[in-house]
PDB file of N, CA and C in Angstrom:
ATOM      1  N   UNK A   1       5.093 -32.877 -12.296  1.00  0.00           N
ATOM      2  CA  UNK A   1       5.080 -31.550 -11.961  1.00  0.00           C
ATOM      3  C   UNK A   1       5.345 -30.808 -13.224  1.00  0.00           C
ATOM      4  N   UNK A   2       4.629 -29.675 -13.627  1.00  0.00           N
ATOM      5  CA  UNK A   2       4.802 -29.226 -14.753  1.00  0.00           C
ATOM      6  C   UNK A   2       5.961 -28.047 -14.753  1.00  0.00           C
ATOM      7  N   UNK A   3       6.625 -27.521 -15.887  1.00  0.00           N
ATOM      8  CA  UNK A   3       7.641 -26.748 -15.763  1.00  0.00           C
ATOM      9  C   UNK A   3       7.395 -25.300 -15.330  1.00  0.00           C
ATOM     10  N   UNK A   4       8.461 -24.763 -14.633  1.00  0.00           N
ATOM     11  CA  UNK A   4       8.169 -23.528 -14.012  1.00  0.00           C
ATOM     12  C   UNK A   4       7.701 -22.326 -15.031  1.00  0.00           C
ATOM     13  N   UNK A   5       7.981 -22.585 -16.378  1.00  0.00           N
ATOM     14  CA  UNK A   5       7.422 -21.493 -17.271  1.00  0.00           C
ATOM     15  C   UNK A   5       5.979 -21.784 -17.554  1.00  0.00           C
ATOM     16  N   UNK A   6       5.473 -23.191 -17.500  1.00  0.00           N
ATOM     17  CA  UNK A   6       4.113 -23.587 -17.788  1.00  0.00           C
ATOM     18  C   UNK A   6       3.365 -23.081 -16.570  1.00  0.00           C
ATOM     19  N   UNK A   7       3.864 -23.221 -15.425  1.00  0.00           N
ATOM     20  CA  UNK A   7       3.176 -22.978 -14.065  1.00  0.00           C
ATOM     21  C   UNK A   7       3.030 -21.212 -14.186  1.00  0.00           C
ATOM     22  N   UNK A   8       4.136 -20.487 -14.398  1.00  0.00           N
ATOM     23  CA  UNK A   8       4.165 -19.160 -14.449  1.00  0.00           C
ATOM     24  C   UNK A   8       3.062 -18.559 -15.442  1.00  0.00           C
ATOM     25  N   UNK A   9       3.215 -19.126 -16.475  1.00  0.00           N
ATOM     26  CA  UNK A   9       2.321 -18.852 -17.661  1.00  0.00           C
ATOM     27  C   UNK A   9       0.918 -18.990 -17.398  1.00  0.00           C
ATOM     28  N   UNK A  10       0.378 -20.115 -16.704  1.00  0.00           N
ATOM     29  CA  UNK A  10      -0.845 -20.210 -16.240  1.00  0.00           C
ATOM     30  C   UNK A  10      -1.169 -19.256 -15.172  1.00  0.00           C
ATOM     31  N   UNK A  11      -0.335 -18.776 -14.388  1.00  0.00           N
ATOM     32  CA  UNK A  11      -0.549 -17.680 -13.406  1.00  0.00           C
ATOM     33  C   UNK A  11      -0.974 -16.304 -14.187  1.00  0.00           C
ATOM     34  N   UNK A  12       0.075 -16.063 -15.288  1.00  0.00           N
ATOM     35  CA  UNK A  12      -0.223 -14.823 -15.988  1.00  0.00           C
ATOM     36  C   UNK A  12      -1.582 -14.775 -16.570  1.00  0.00           C
ATOM     37  N   UNK A  13      -1.873 -15.998 -17.003  1.00  0.00           N
ATOM     38  CA  UNK A  13      -3.434 -16.025 -17.780  1.00  0.00           C
ATOM     39  C   UNK A  13      -4.367 -15.671 -16.922  1.00  0.00           C
ATOM     40  N   UNK A  14      -4.232 -16.294 -15.576  1.00  0.00           N
ATOM     41  CA  UNK A  14      -5.287 -16.076 -14.576  1.00  0.00           C
ATOM     42  C   UNK A  14      -5.349 -14.710 -14.227  1.00  0.00           C
ATOM     43  N   UNK A  15      -4.067 -14.053 -13.940  1.00  0.00           N
ATOM     44  CA  UNK A  15      -4.117 -12.784 -13.629  1.00  0.00           C
ATOM     45  C   UNK A  15      -4.877 -11.949 -14.737  1.00  0.00           C
ATOM     46  N   UNK A  16      -4.409 -11.974 -15.908  1.00  0.00           N
ATOM     47  CA  UNK A  16      -5.056 -11.322 -17.044  1.00  0.00           C
ATOM     48  C   UNK A  16      -6.409 -11.371 -17.047  1.00  0.00           C
ATOM     49  N   UNK A  17      -7.107 -12.633 -16.901  1.00  0.00           N
ATOM     50  CA  UNK A  17      -8.482 -12.933 -16.798  1.00  0.00           C
ATOM     51  C   UNK A  17      -9.088 -12.074 -15.726  1.00  0.00           C
ATOM     52  N   UNK A  18      -8.418 -12.147 -14.643  1.00  0.00           N
ATOM     53  CA  UNK A  18      -9.056 -11.391 -13.500  1.00  0.00           C
ATOM     54  C   UNK A  18      -9.237 -10.060 -13.564  1.00  0.00           C
ATOM     55  N   UNK A  19      -8.138  -9.439 -14.311  1.00  0.00           N
ATOM     56  CA  UNK A  19      -8.240  -7.928 -14.743  1.00  0.00           C
ATOM     57  C   UNK A  19      -9.228  -7.722 -15.691  1.00  0.00           C
ATOM     58  N   UNK A  20      -9.381  -8.312 -16.527  1.00  0.00           N
ATOM     59  CA  UNK A  20     -10.508  -8.298 -17.783  1.00  0.00           C
ATOM     60  C   UNK A  20     -11.774  -8.431 -16.971  1.00  0.00           C
ATOM     61  N   UNK A  21     -12.002  -9.384 -16.181  1.00  0.00           N
ATOM     62  CA  UNK A  21     -13.322  -9.511 -15.694  1.00  0.00           C
ATOM     63  C   UNK A  21     -13.648  -8.298 -14.576  1.00  0.00           C
ATOM     64  N   UNK A  22     -12.825  -8.106 -13.886  1.00  0.00           N
ATOM     65  CA  UNK A  22     -12.935  -6.929 -13.036  1.00  0.00           C
ATOM     66  C   UNK A  22     -13.443  -5.472 -13.834  1.00  0.00           C
ATOM     67  N   UNK A  23     -12.518  -5.292 -14.977  1.00  0.00           N
ATOM     68  CA  UNK A  23     -12.799  -4.141 -15.721  1.00  0.00           C
ATOM     69  C   UNK A  23     -14.234  -4.245 -16.323  1.00  0.00           C
ATOM     70  N   UNK A  24     -14.479  -5.456 -16.762  1.00  0.00           N
ATOM     71  CA  UNK A  24     -15.886  -5.542 -17.396  1.00  0.00           C
ATOM     72  C   UNK A  24     -16.882  -5.271 -16.158  1.00  0.00           C
ATOM     73  N   UNK A  25     -16.742  -5.708 -15.086  1.00  0.00           N
ATOM     74  CA  UNK A  25     -17.694  -5.367 -14.088  1.00  0.00           C
ATOM     75  C   UNK A  25     -17.966  -4.078 -13.717  1.00  0.00           C
ATOM     76  N   UNK A  26     -16.621  -3.228 -13.725  1.00  0.00           N
ATOM     77  CA  UNK A  26     -16.669  -1.741 -13.360  1.00  0.00           C
ATOM     78  C   UNK A  26     -17.205  -1.160 -14.648  1.00  0.00           C
ATOM     79  N   UNK A  27     -17.082  -1.447 -15.738  1.00  0.00           N
ATOM     80  CA  UNK A  27     -17.443  -0.691 -16.920  1.00  0.00           C
ATOM     81  C   UNK A  27     -18.994  -0.851 -16.900  1.00  0.00           C
ATOM     82  N   UNK A  28     -19.553  -1.867 -16.494  1.00  0.00           N
ATOM     83  CA  UNK A  28     -21.126  -2.250 -16.715  1.00  0.00           C
ATOM     84  C   UNK A  28     -21.786  -2.060 -15.352  1.00  0.00           C
ATOM     85  N   UNK A  29     -21.231  -1.437 -14.325  1.00  0.00           N
ATOM     86  CA  UNK A  29     -21.789  -1.340 -12.867  1.00  0.00           C
ATOM     87  C   UNK A  29     -23.293  -0.692 -13.242  1.00  0.00           C
ATOM     88  N   UNK A  30     -23.258   0.207 -14.073  1.00  0.00           N
ATOM     89  CA  UNK A  30     -24.631   1.065 -14.053  1.00  0.00           C
ATOM     90  C   UNK A  30     -25.511   0.446 -15.067  1.00  0.00           C
ATOM     91  N   UNK A  31     -25.288  -0.365 -15.865  1.00  0.00           N
ATOM     92  CA  UNK A  31     -25.991  -1.098 -16.731  1.00  0.00           C
ATOM     93  C   UNK A  31     -27.289  -1.901 -16.253  1.00  0.00           C
ATOM     94  N   UNK A  32     -28.278  -1.387 -16.711  1.00  0.00           N
ATOM     95  CA  UNK A  32     -29.677  -2.111 -16.430  1.00  0.00           C
ATOM     96  C   UNK A  32     -29.534  -3.532 -16.536  1.00  0.00           C
ATOM     97  N   UNK A  33     -29.956  -4.312 -15.476  1.00  0.00           N
ATOM     98  CA  UNK A  33     -29.938  -5.962 -15.645  1.00  0.00           C
ATOM     99  C   UNK A  33     -28.673  -6.673 -15.939  1.00  0.00           C
ATOM    100  N   UNK A  34     -27.605  -5.886 -15.665  1.00  0.00           N
ATOM    101  CA  UNK A  34     -26.211  -6.395 -15.851  1.00  0.00           C
ATOM    102  C   UNK A  34     -26.127  -7.418 -14.759  1.00  0.00           C
ATOM    103  N   UNK A  35     -25.465  -8.632 -15.321  1.00  0.00           N
ATOM    104  CA  UNK A  35     -25.178  -9.853 -14.464  1.00  0.00           C
ATOM    105  C   UNK A  35     -23.561  -9.761 -14.356  1.00  0.00           C
ATOM    106  N   UNK A  36     -23.037  -9.623 -13.023  1.00  0.00           N
ATOM    107  CA  UNK A  36     -21.565  -9.462 -12.825  1.00  0.00           C
ATOM    108  C   UNK A  36     -20.875 -11.008 -13.181  1.00  0.00           C
ATOM    109  N   UNK A  37     -19.685 -10.967 -13.527  1.00  0.00           N
ATOM    110  CA  UNK A  37     -18.949 -12.096 -13.857  1.00  0.00           C
ATOM    111  C   UNK A  37     -17.877 -12.324 -12.634  1.00  0.00           C
ATOM    112  N   UNK A  38     -17.528 -13.388 -12.481  1.00  0.00           N
ATOM    113  CA  UNK A  38     -16.567 -13.878 -11.543  1.00  0.00           C
ATOM    114  C   UNK A  38     -15.444 -14.746 -12.010  1.00  0.00           C
ATOM    115  N   UNK A  39     -14.233 -14.795 -11.817  1.00  0.00           N
ATOM    116  CA  UNK A  39     -13.180 -15.670 -12.195  1.00  0.00           C
ATOM    117  C   UNK A  39     -13.112 -16.839 -11.204  1.00  0.00           C
ATOM    118  N   UNK A  40     -13.092 -18.132 -11.697  1.00  0.00           N
ATOM    119  CA  UNK A  40     -12.927 -19.310 -10.906  1.00  0.00           C
ATOM    120  C   UNK A  40     -11.641 -19.718 -11.248  1.00  0.00           C
ATOM    121  N   UNK A  41     -10.748 -20.161 -10.172  1.00  0.00           N
ATOM    122  CA  UNK A  41      -9.494 -20.579 -10.346  1.00  0.00           C
ATOM    123  C   UNK A  41      -9.574 -21.960  -9.847  1.00  0.00           C
ATOM    124  N   UNK A  42      -8.857 -22.893 -10.203  1.00  0.00           N
ATOM    125  CA  UNK A  42      -8.698 -24.229  -9.603  1.00  0.00           C
ATOM    126  C   UNK A  42      -7.333 -24.733  -9.984  1.00  0.00           C
ATOM    127  N   UNK A  43      -6.550 -25.110  -8.972  1.00  0.00           N
ATOM    128  CA  UNK A  43      -5.161 -25.550  -8.769  1.00  0.00           C
ATOM    129  C   UNK A  43      -5.264 -26.873  -9.749  1.00  0.00           C
ATOM    130  N   UNK A  44      -4.040 -26.998 -10.644  1.00  0.00           N
ATOM    131  CA  UNK A  44      -3.849 -28.092 -11.400  1.00  0.00           C
ATOM    132  C   UNK A  44      -2.930 -29.293 -10.777  1.00  0.00           C
ATOM    133  N   UNK A  45      -3.206 -30.418 -10.988  1.00  0.00           N
ATOM    134  CA  UNK A  45      -2.458 -31.374 -10.233  1.00  0.00           C
ATOM    135  C   UNK A  45      -0.913 -31.152 -10.448  1.00  0.00           C
ATOM    136  N   UNK A  46      -0.455 -30.920 -11.659  1.00  0.00           N
ATOM    137  CA  UNK A  46       1.033 -30.938 -11.797  1.00  0.00           C
ATOM    138  C   UNK A  46       1.455 -29.516 -11.612  1.00  0.00           C
ATOM    139  N   UNK A  47       0.664 -28.467 -11.177  1.00  0.00           N
ATOM    140  CA  UNK A  47       1.264 -27.359 -10.840  1.00  0.00           C
ATOM    141  C   UNK A  47       0.496 -26.300 -11.874  1.00  0.00           C
ATOM    142  N   UNK A  48       0.302 -25.167 -11.403  1.00  0.00           N
ATOM    143  CA  UNK A  48      -0.375 -24.187 -12.155  1.00  0.00           C
ATOM    144  C   UNK A  48      -1.801 -23.901 -11.870  1.00  0.00           C
ATOM    145  N   UNK A  49      -2.476 -23.132 -12.612  1.00  0.00           N
ATOM    146  CA  UNK A  49      -4.001 -22.990 -12.373  1.00  0.00           C
ATOM    147  C   UNK A  49      -4.631 -23.082 -13.851  1.00  0.00           C
ATOM    148  N   UNK A  50      -5.972 -23.607 -13.512  1.00  0.00           N
ATOM    149  CA  UNK A  50      -6.863 -23.344 -14.653  1.00  0.00           C
ATOM    150  C   UNK A  50      -7.914 -22.217 -14.224  1.00  0.00           C
ATOM    151  N   UNK A  51      -8.355 -21.513 -15.221  1.00  0.00           N
ATOM    152  CA  UNK A  51      -9.298 -20.587 -14.953  1.00  0.00           C
ATOM    153  C   UNK A  51     -10.501 -20.601 -15.875  1.00  0.00           C
ATOM    154  N   UNK A  52     -11.587 -20.115 -15.291  1.00  0.00           N
ATOM    155  CA  UNK A  52     -12.957 -20.007 -16.129  1.00  0.00           C
ATOM    156  C   UNK A  52     -13.576 -18.967 -15.517  1.00  0.00           C
ATOM    157  N   UNK A  53     -14.777 -18.241 -16.420  1.00  0.00           N
ATOM    158  CA  UNK A  53     -15.569 -17.096 -15.857  1.00  0.00           C
ATOM    159  C   UNK A  53     -16.942 -17.515 -15.896  1.00  0.00           C
ATOM    160  N   UNK A  54     -17.523 -17.267 -14.737  1.00  0.00           N
ATOM    161  CA  UNK A  54     -18.752 -17.660 -14.571  1.00  0.00           C
ATOM    162  C   UNK A  54     -19.695 -16.253 -14.333  1.00  0.00           C
ATOM    163  N   UNK A  55     -20.873 -16.403 -14.723  1.00  0.00           N
ATOM    164  CA  UNK A  55     -21.811 -15.223 -14.519  1.00  0.00           C
ATOM    165  C   UNK A  55     -22.583 -15.455 -13.366  1.00  0.00           C
ATOM    166  N   UNK A  56     -22.625 -14.337 -12.414  1.00  0.00           N
ATOM    167  CA  UNK A  56     -23.308 -14.408 -11.081  1.00  0.00           C
ATOM    168  C   UNK A  56     -24.738 -14.274 -11.323  1.00  0.00           C
ATOM    169  N   UNK A  57     -25.621 -14.825 -10.510  1.00  0.00           N
ATOM    170  CA  UNK A  57     -27.071 -14.969 -10.765  1.00  0.00           C
ATOM    171  C   UNK A  57     -27.749 -13.619 -10.842  1.00  0.00           C
ATOM    172  N   UNK A  58     -27.909 -12.856  -9.823  1.00  0.00           N
ATOM    173  CA  UNK A  58     -28.769 -11.597  -9.935  1.00  0.00           C
ATOM    174  C   UNK A  58     -27.906 -10.484  -9.691  1.00  0.00           C
ATOM    175  N   UNK A  59     -28.397  -9.072 -10.114  1.00  0.00           N
ATOM    176  CA  UNK A  59     -27.641  -8.095  -9.753  1.00  0.00           C
ATOM    177  C   UNK A  59     -27.715  -7.904  -8.305  1.00  0.00           C
ATOM    178  N   UNK A  60     -26.497  -7.209  -7.873  1.00  0.00           N
ATOM    179  CA  UNK A  60     -26.201  -6.962  -6.702  1.00  0.00           C
ATOM    180  C   UNK A  60     -25.985  -5.433  -6.431  1.00  0.00           C
ATOM    181  N   UNK A  61     -26.198  -4.856  -5.205  1.00  0.00           N
ATOM    182  CA  UNK A  61     -25.938  -3.318  -5.157  1.00  0.00           C
ATOM    183  C   UNK A  61     -24.217  -3.218  -5.540  1.00  0.00           C
ATOM    184  N   UNK A  62     -24.285  -1.874  -6.169  1.00  0.00           N
ATOM    185  CA  UNK A  62     -22.994  -1.774  -6.632  1.00  0.00           C
ATOM    186  C   UNK A  62     -21.868  -1.325  -5.617  1.00  0.00           C
ATOM    187  N   UNK A  63     -22.427  -0.850  -4.511  1.00  0.00           N
ATOM    188  CA  UNK A  63     -21.179  -0.507  -3.498  1.00  0.00           C
ATOM    189  C   UNK A  63     -20.233  -1.310  -3.093  1.00  0.00           C
ATOM    190  N   UNK A  64     -20.522  -2.512  -2.389  1.00  0.00           N
ATOM    191  CA  UNK A  64     -19.355  -3.469  -1.899  1.00  0.00           C
ATOM    192  C   UNK A  64     -18.838  -4.166  -3.457  1.00  0.00           C
ATOM    193  N   UNK A  65     -19.559  -4.445  -4.180  1.00  0.00           N
ATOM    194  CA  UNK A  65     -18.930  -5.444  -5.408  1.00  0.00           C
ATOM    195  C   UNK A  65     -18.085  -4.494  -6.210  1.00  0.00           C
ATOM    196  N   UNK A  66     -18.431  -2.943  -6.220  1.00  0.00           N
ATOM    197  CA  UNK A  66     -17.558  -2.169  -7.054  1.00  0.00           C
ATOM    198  C   UNK A  66     -16.178  -2.117  -6.354  1.00  0.00           C
ATOM    199  N   UNK A  67     -16.174  -2.022  -5.011  1.00  0.00           N
ATOM    200  CA  UNK A  67     -14.982  -1.937  -4.246  1.00  0.00           C
ATOM    201  C   UNK A  67     -14.167  -3.146  -4.232  1.00  0.00           C
ATOM    202  N   UNK A  68     -14.890  -4.346  -4.529  1.00  0.00           N
ATOM    203  CA  UNK A  68     -14.294  -5.553  -4.506  1.00  0.00           C
ATOM    204  C   UNK A  68     -13.510  -5.787  -6.000  1.00  0.00           C
ATOM    205  N   UNK A  69     -14.032  -5.138  -6.862  1.00  0.00           N
ATOM    206  CA  UNK A  69     -13.533  -5.161  -8.333  1.00  0.00           C
ATOM    207  C   UNK A  69     -12.197  -4.398  -8.427  1.00  0.00           C
ATOM    208  N   UNK A  70     -12.142  -3.240  -7.592  1.00  0.00           N
ATOM    209  CA  UNK A  70     -10.915  -2.493  -7.620  1.00  0.00           C
ATOM    210  C   UNK A  70      -9.969  -3.425  -6.735  1.00  0.00           C
ATOM    211  N   UNK A  71     -10.289  -4.045  -5.720  1.00  0.00           N
ATOM    212  CA  UNK A  71      -9.292  -4.888  -4.936  1.00  0.00           C
ATOM    213  C   UNK A  71      -8.979  -6.103  -5.959  1.00  0.00           C
ATOM    214  N   UNK A  72      -9.791  -6.646  -6.714  1.00  0.00           N
ATOM    215  CA  UNK A  72      -9.381  -7.731  -7.431  1.00  0.00           C
ATOM    216  C   UNK A  72      -8.392  -7.169  -8.637  1.00  0.00           C
ATOM    217  N   UNK A  73      -8.501  -5.934  -9.005  1.00  0.00           N
ATOM    218  CA  UNK A  73      -7.510  -5.475 -10.126  1.00  0.00           C
ATOM    219  C   UNK A  73      -6.216  -5.427  -9.239  1.00  0.00           C
ATOM    220  N   UNK A  74      -6.167  -4.899  -8.080  1.00  0.00           N
ATOM    221  CA  UNK A  74      -4.852  -4.728  -7.407  1.00  0.00           C
ATOM    222  C   UNK A  74      -4.157  -6.198  -7.195  1.00  0.00           C
ATOM    223  N   UNK A  75      -5.041  -7.244  -6.735  1.00  0.00           N
ATOM    224  CA  UNK A  75      -4.641  -8.545  -6.521  1.00  0.00           C
ATOM    225  C   UNK A  75      -4.072  -9.212  -7.880  1.00  0.00           C
ATOM    226  N   UNK A  76      -4.674  -8.966  -9.037  1.00  0.00           N
ATOM    227  CA  UNK A  76      -4.290  -9.387 -10.246  1.00  0.00           C
ATOM    228  C   UNK A  76      -2.955  -8.780 -10.671  1.00  0.00           C
ATOM    229  N   UNK A  77      -2.879  -7.455 -10.479  1.00  0.00           N
ATOM    230  CA  UNK A  77      -1.746  -6.767 -10.713  1.00  0.00           C
ATOM    231  C   UNK A  77      -0.414  -7.479 -10.081  1.00  0.00           C
ATOM    232  N   UNK A  78      -0.679  -7.679  -8.782  1.00  0.00           N
ATOM    233  CA  UNK A  78       0.555  -8.301  -7.876  1.00  0.00           C
ATOM    234  C   UNK A  78       0.783  -9.641  -8.446  1.00  0.00           C
ATOM    235  N   UNK A  79      -0.295 -10.446  -8.663  1.00  0.00           N
ATOM    236  CA  UNK A  79       0.020 -11.861  -9.216  1.00  0.00           C
ATOM    237  C   UNK A  79       0.609 -11.941 -10.559  1.00  0.00           C
ATOM    238  N   UNK A  80       0.240 -10.841 -11.371  1.00  0.00           N
ATOM    239  CA  UNK A  80       0.833 -10.809 -12.741  1.00  0.00           C
ATOM    240  C   UNK A  80       2.322 -10.506 -12.539  1.00  0.00           C
ATOM    241  N   UNK A  81       2.674  -9.600 -11.726  1.00  0.00           N
ATOM    242  CA  UNK A  81       4.119  -9.232 -11.521  1.00  0.00           C
ATOM    243  C   UNK A  81       4.971 -10.445 -10.928  1.00  0.00           C
ATOM    244  N   UNK A  82       4.363 -11.195 -10.059  1.00  0.00           N
ATOM    245  CA  UNK A  82       4.870 -12.208  -9.210  1.00  0.00           C
ATOM    246  C   UNK A  82       5.327 -13.196 -10.335  1.00  0.00           C
ATOM    247  N   UNK A  83       4.338 -13.648 -11.068  1.00  0.00           N
ATOM    248  CA  UNK A  83       4.433 -14.597 -11.995  1.00  0.00           C
ATOM    249  C   UNK A  83       5.523 -14.257 -13.252  1.00  0.00           C
ATOM    250  N   UNK A  84       5.591 -12.968 -13.546  1.00  0.00           N
ATOM    251  CA  UNK A  84       6.459 -12.472 -14.415  1.00  0.00           C
ATOM    252  C   UNK A  84       7.786 -12.511 -13.686  1.00  0.00           C
ATOM    253  N   UNK A  85       8.041 -12.138 -12.428  1.00  0.00           N
ATOM    254  CA  UNK A  85       9.423 -12.450 -11.955  1.00  0.00           C
ATOM    255  C   UNK A  85       9.772 -13.785 -11.911  1.00  0.00           C
ATOM    256  N   UNK A  86       8.874 -14.685 -11.660  1.00  0.00           N
ATOM    257  CA  UNK A  86       9.127 -16.212 -11.924  1.00  0.00           C
ATOM    258  C   UNK A  86       9.909 -16.538 -13.113  1.00  0.00           C
ATOM    259  N   UNK A  87       9.170 -15.962 -14.035  1.00  0.00           N
ATOM    260  CA  UNK A  87       9.553 -16.303 -15.582  1.00  0.00           C
ATOM    261  C   UNK A  87      11.067 -15.923 -15.779  1.00  0.00           C
ATOM    262  N   UNK A  88      11.293 -14.573 -15.428  1.00  0.00           N
ATOM    263  CA  UNK A  88      12.638 -13.913 -15.387  1.00  0.00           C
ATOM    264  C   UNK A  88      13.688 -14.854 -14.751  1.00  0.00           C
ATOM    265  N   UNK A  89      13.316 -15.027 -13.380  1.00  0.00           N
ATOM    266  CA  UNK A  89      14.298 -15.753 -12.588  1.00  0.00           C
ATOM    267  C   UNK A  89      14.547 -17.113 -13.420  1.00  0.00           C
ATOM    268  N   UNK A  90      13.425 -17.678 -13.873  1.00  0.00           N
ATOM    269  CA  UNK A  90      13.966 -18.898 -14.553  1.00  0.00           C
ATOM    270  C   UNK A  90      14.950 -18.762 -15.662  1.00  0.00           C
ATOM    271  N   UNK A  91      14.616 -17.832 -16.403  1.00  0.00           N
ATOM    272  CA  UNK A  91      15.488 -17.577 -17.725  1.00  0.00           C
ATOM    273  C   UNK A  91      16.945 -17.205 -17.093  1.00  0.00           C
ATOM    274  N   UNK A  92      16.999 -16.415 -16.135  1.00  0.00           N
ATOM    275  CA  UNK A  92      18.426 -16.237 -15.480  1.00  0.00           C
ATOM    276  C   UNK A  92      19.019 -17.396 -15.241  1.00  0.00           C
ATOM    277  N   UNK A  93      18.377 -18.492 -14.386  1.00  0.00           N
ATOM    278  CA  UNK A  93      18.797 -19.661 -13.954  1.00  0.00           C
ATOM    279  C   UNK A  93      19.352 -20.496 -15.097  1.00  0.00           C
ATOM    280  N   UNK A  94      18.526 -20.564 -15.990  1.00  0.00           N
ATOM    281  CA  UNK A  94      18.919 -21.348 -17.221  1.00  0.00           C
ATOM    282  C   UNK A  94      20.015 -20.740 -17.890  1.00  0.00           C
ATOM    283  N   UNK A  95      20.034 -19.470 -18.083  1.00  0.00           N
ATOM    284  CA  UNK A  95      21.406 -18.902 -18.533  1.00  0.00           C
ATOM    285  C   UNK A  95      22.490 -19.274 -17.719  1.00  0.00           C
ATOM    286  N   UNK A  96      22.461 -19.177 -16.543  1.00  0.00           N
ATOM    287  CA  UNK A  96      23.589 -19.509 -15.652  1.00  0.00           C
ATOM    288  C   UNK A  96      24.061 -20.840 -15.836  1.00  0.00           C
ATOM    289  N   UNK A  97      23.026 -21.815 -15.861  1.00  0.00           N
ATOM    290  CA  UNK A  97      23.398 -23.087 -16.025  1.00  0.00           C
ATOM    291  C   UNK A  97      24.278 -23.405 -17.442  1.00  0.00           C
ATOM    292  N   UNK A  98      23.568 -22.765 -18.469  1.00  0.00           N
ATOM    293  CA  UNK A  98      24.173 -23.031 -19.894  1.00  0.00           C
ATOM    294  C   UNK A  98      25.567 -22.482 -19.833  1.00  0.00           C
ATOM    295  N   UNK A  99      25.863 -21.215 -19.111  1.00  0.00           N
ATOM    296  CA  UNK A  99      27.155 -20.707 -19.083  1.00  0.00           C
ATOM    297  C   UNK A  99      28.233 -21.459 -18.215  1.00  0.00           C
ATOM    298  N   UNK A 100      27.729 -22.117 -17.171  1.00  0.00           N
ATOM    299  CA  UNK A 100      28.449 -23.025 -16.323  1.00  0.00           C
ATOM    300  C   UNK A 100      28.861 -24.318 -17.114  1.00  0.00           C
ATOM    301  N   UNK A 101      28.081 -24.863 -17.888  1.00  0.00           N
ATOM    302  CA  UNK A 101      28.303 -26.148 -18.732  1.00  0.00           C
ATOM    303  C   UNK A 101      29.179 -25.869 -19.929  1.00  0.00           C
ATOM    304  N   UNK A 102      28.992 -24.722 -20.279  1.00  0.00           N
ATOM    305  CA  UNK A 102      29.774 -24.434 -21.632  1.00  0.00           C
ATOM    306  C   UNK A 102      31.289 -24.383 -21.442  1.00  0.00           C
TER     307      UNK A 102
END
């Protein structure tokens, strides 16, 4: 199993990529022949996630996809906060263990 910090870091990276891709899709929604992007996440055996970006095939109507992009930004924001709290908790726990052992 990976360390807590490595797992949380992969989650932070995934959340940042999700924010970047949704912002890219929103910014280019009215661009002619624009092909939307999508973040693909896959869990890692030892913990954490790997992420990649793929381009979707054909242009889709902006209505539902635009709303989905805003939802993805909110999801990414919550995921980012959750992973950051995990890192902070790990640091506090490590500090407490060091203080106890000292």
